[in-house]
């Protein structure tokens, strides 16, 4: 599967996920991570920006957001971070291409070993339907193909998501 086909699959799987009504976006999540409140400008961005209109720089500025968003916000923004990771090689600015934001979706979708964190993740992962889980599986298979140096990690994450897809989790 090409990245273009996978991006199409991700967008289709998450197409019906609405922007949260009481929107708590990536700038608010980042501010909370830093024990601050978002600026009025950041609050406006959270209200008006569509997830697919975010720039790589904006997403880098908020690379921890997926960890701090409420479940509805996580569900809404997740596909944008997955797509960004798949488009990394298309970014011309090498300094931006080397930033951690490209691993944000991987980290956010990695199953926790701690029981409390697993309960927190379940609130987020439990919102995902079969098509979305299938898109996540394809995403991780693509990541494995391009990051074979981390084969063990990706094999474990893929096994977890395969079990979730089967309903065993």
Protein backbone atom coordinates (compact mmCIF):
# COMPACT_ATOMS: atom_id res chain seq x y z
CA UNK A 1 0.00 0.00 0.00
CA UNK A 2 1.40 3.41 -0.92
CA UNK A 3 1.39 6.33 1.50
CA UNK A 4 -1.22 8.05 -0.67
CA UNK A 5 -3.52 5.02 -0.43
CA UNK A 6 -2.94 4.78 3.32
CA UNK A 7 -3.67 8.49 3.82
CA UNK A 8 -6.90 8.03 1.88
CA UNK A 9 -7.78 5.05 4.10
CA UNK A 10 -7.04 7.04 7.28
CA UNK A 11 -9.11 10.03 6.16
CA UNK A 12 -12.02 7.78 5.18
CA UNK A 13 -11.91 5.87 8.48
CA UNK A 14 -11.95 9.07 10.54
CA UNK A 15 -14.17 11.16 8.24
CA UNK A 16 -17.21 11.00 10.52
CA UNK A 17 -15.30 12.03 13.66
CA UNK A 18 -16.56 15.51 14.49
CA UNK A 19 -14.57 18.32 15.98
CA UNK A 20 -15.43 18.21 19.69
CA UNK A 21 -18.33 20.44 20.67
CA UNK A 22 -16.61 21.95 23.71
CA UNK A 23 -13.36 22.14 21.84
CA UNK A 24 -10.20 21.53 23.80
CA UNK A 25 -7.62 21.59 21.01
CA UNK A 26 -3.93 20.97 20.60
CA UNK A 27 -2.84 24.41 21.81
CA UNK A 28 -4.87 24.07 24.99
CA UNK A 29 -3.46 20.57 25.49
CA UNK A 30 0.07 21.86 25.05
CA UNK A 31 -0.54 24.73 27.46
CA UNK A 32 -1.90 22.32 30.08
CA UNK A 33 1.18 20.14 29.62
CA UNK A 34 3.23 23.23 30.51
CA UNK A 35 0.92 24.11 33.45
CA UNK A 36 -0.29 27.23 31.65
CA UNK A 37 -3.39 28.49 29.95
CA UNK A 38 -3.49 29.00 26.18
CA UNK A 39 -3.27 32.53 24.86
CA UNK A 40 -6.35 34.09 23.25
CA UNK A 41 -4.70 33.55 19.85
CA UNK A 42 -4.12 29.86 20.61
CA UNK A 43 -7.72 29.48 21.79
CA UNK A 44 -8.89 30.96 18.48
CA UNK A 45 -6.70 28.51 16.56
CA UNK A 46 -8.19 25.65 18.57
CA UNK A 47 -11.69 26.81 17.66
CA UNK A 48 -11.12 27.48 13.97
CA UNK A 49 -8.40 25.25 12.56
CA UNK A 50 -9.37 21.99 10.91
CA UNK A 51 -7.14 19.06 11.88
CA UNK A 52 -5.93 18.65 8.29
CA UNK A 53 -5.06 22.34 7.92
CA UNK A 54 -2.49 22.28 10.72
CA UNK A 55 1.03 22.86 9.50
CA UNK A 56 3.92 20.60 10.50
CA UNK A 57 5.32 23.51 12.53
CA UNK A 58 2.05 23.95 14.45
CA UNK A 59 1.96 20.24 15.13
CA UNK A 60 5.58 20.32 16.29
CA UNK A 61 4.74 23.20 18.61
CA UNK A 62 2.08 20.89 20.09
CA UNK A 63 3.83 17.52 19.75
CA UNK A 64 2.68 16.40 23.23
CA UNK A 65 -0.96 17.29 22.54
CA UNK A 66 -2.10 13.75 21.79
CA UNK A 67 -1.12 12.78 25.34
CA UNK A 68 -3.13 15.60 26.93
CA UNK A 69 -6.24 15.86 24.78
CA UNK A 70 -9.54 14.63 26.13
CA UNK A 71 -10.80 11.44 24.41
CA UNK A 72 -12.93 13.34 21.86
CA UNK A 73 -10.01 15.60 20.93
CA UNK A 74 -7.65 12.63 20.72
CA UNK A 75 -10.08 10.88 18.37
CA UNK A 76 -10.40 14.01 16.22
CA UNK A 77 -6.68 14.89 15.92
CA UNK A 78 -5.15 11.40 15.78
CA UNK A 79 -5.47 10.97 11.99
CA UNK A 80 -3.72 14.29 11.35
CA UNK A 81 -0.69 13.19 13.38
CA UNK A 82 -0.65 9.79 11.65
CA UNK A 83 -0.74 11.46 8.24
CA UNK A 84 2.01 13.89 9.23
CA UNK A 85 4.27 10.97 10.12
CA UNK A 86 3.59 9.39 6.72
CA UNK A 87 4.39 12.66 4.94
CA UNK A 88 7.66 13.30 6.76
CA UNK A 89 9.83 12.69 3.71
CA UNK A 90 7.93 15.35 1.75
CA UNK A 91 8.96 18.13 4.13
CA UNK A 92 11.72 20.24 2.65
CA UNK A 93 13.03 21.76 5.89
CA UNK A 94 15.51 19.18 7.27
CA UNK A 95 15.45 20.70 10.75
CA UNK A 96 11.68 20.27 10.87
CA UNK A 97 11.87 16.78 9.36
CA UNK A 98 14.10 15.64 12.24
CA UNK A 99 11.75 16.69 15.04
CA UNK A 100 9.92 14.42 17.46
CA UNK A 101 6.43 15.33 16.25
CA UNK A 102 6.69 12.61 13.62
CA UNK A 103 6.61 10.00 16.38
CA UNK A 104 3.69 11.54 18.31
CA UNK A 105 1.07 9.18 16.88
CA UNK A 106 3.30 6.16 17.52
CA UNK A 107 3.75 7.14 21.17
CA UNK A 108 0.06 7.92 21.64
CA UNK A 109 -0.99 4.54 20.18
CA UNK A 110 1.55 2.42 22.06
CA UNK A 111 -0.16 0.30 24.72
CA UNK A 112 0.81 1.22 28.26
CA UNK A 113 2.34 -1.22 30.69
CA UNK A 114 1.07 0.68 33.75
CA UNK A 115 -2.50 -0.19 34.85
CA UNK A 116 -3.52 3.43 35.53
CA UNK A 117 -2.23 4.55 32.15
CA UNK A 118 -4.00 1.61 30.47
CA UNK A 119 -7.30 2.78 31.98
CA UNK A 120 -6.63 6.29 30.65
CA UNK A 121 -5.79 4.88 27.21
CA UNK A 122 -8.92 2.74 27.17
CA UNK A 123 -11.05 5.89 27.38
CA UNK A 124 -9.35 6.99 24.17
CA UNK A 125 -8.90 3.69 22.36
CA UNK A 126 -12.43 2.58 23.20
CA UNK A 127 -13.76 5.28 20.85
CA UNK A 128 -12.09 3.69 17.83
CA UNK A 129 -14.22 1.61 15.47
CA UNK A 130 -13.14 -1.34 13.31
CA UNK A 131 -12.28 0.78 10.25
CA UNK A 132 -10.20 3.14 12.38
CA UNK A 133 -8.36 0.25 14.02
CA UNK A 134 -7.70 -1.22 10.57
CA UNK A 135 -6.26 2.15 9.47
CA UNK A 136 -4.08 2.19 12.59
CA UNK A 137 -2.85 -1.32 11.79
CA UNK A 138 -1.98 -0.29 8.23
CA UNK A 139 -0.26 2.81 9.60
CA UNK A 140 1.93 0.71 11.91
CA UNK A 141 2.70 -1.79 9.17
CA UNK A 142 3.88 1.10 7.02
CA UNK A 143 5.97 2.46 9.88
CA UNK A 144 7.52 -0.99 10.37
CA UNK A 145 8.44 -1.17 6.68
CA UNK A 146 10.21 2.19 6.84
CA UNK A 147 11.74 1.70 10.30
CA UNK A 148 12.97 -1.86 10.28
CA UNK A 149 15.61 -0.96 12.88
CA UNK A 150 12.77 -0.89 15.41
CA UNK A 151 11.16 -4.17 14.32
CA UNK A 152 10.51 -5.53 17.84
CA UNK A 153 8.63 -2.42 18.95
CA UNK A 154 6.44 -2.31 15.84
CA UNK A 155 5.75 -6.06 15.98
CA UNK A 156 4.50 -5.70 19.57
CA UNK A 157 2.33 -2.69 18.78
CA UNK A 158 0.89 -4.36 15.69
CA UNK A 159 0.08 -7.49 17.74
CA UNK A 160 -1.74 -5.31 20.29
CA UNK A 161 -3.85 -3.58 17.62
CA UNK A 162 -4.58 -6.89 15.87
CA UNK A 163 -5.98 -8.22 19.17
CA UNK A 164 -8.06 -5.06 19.60
CA UNK A 165 -9.43 -5.49 16.09
CA UNK A 166 -10.44 -9.05 16.92
CA UNK A 167 -12.14 -7.79 20.09
CA UNK A 168 -9.87 -9.72 22.46
CA UNK A 169 -8.70 -6.65 24.35
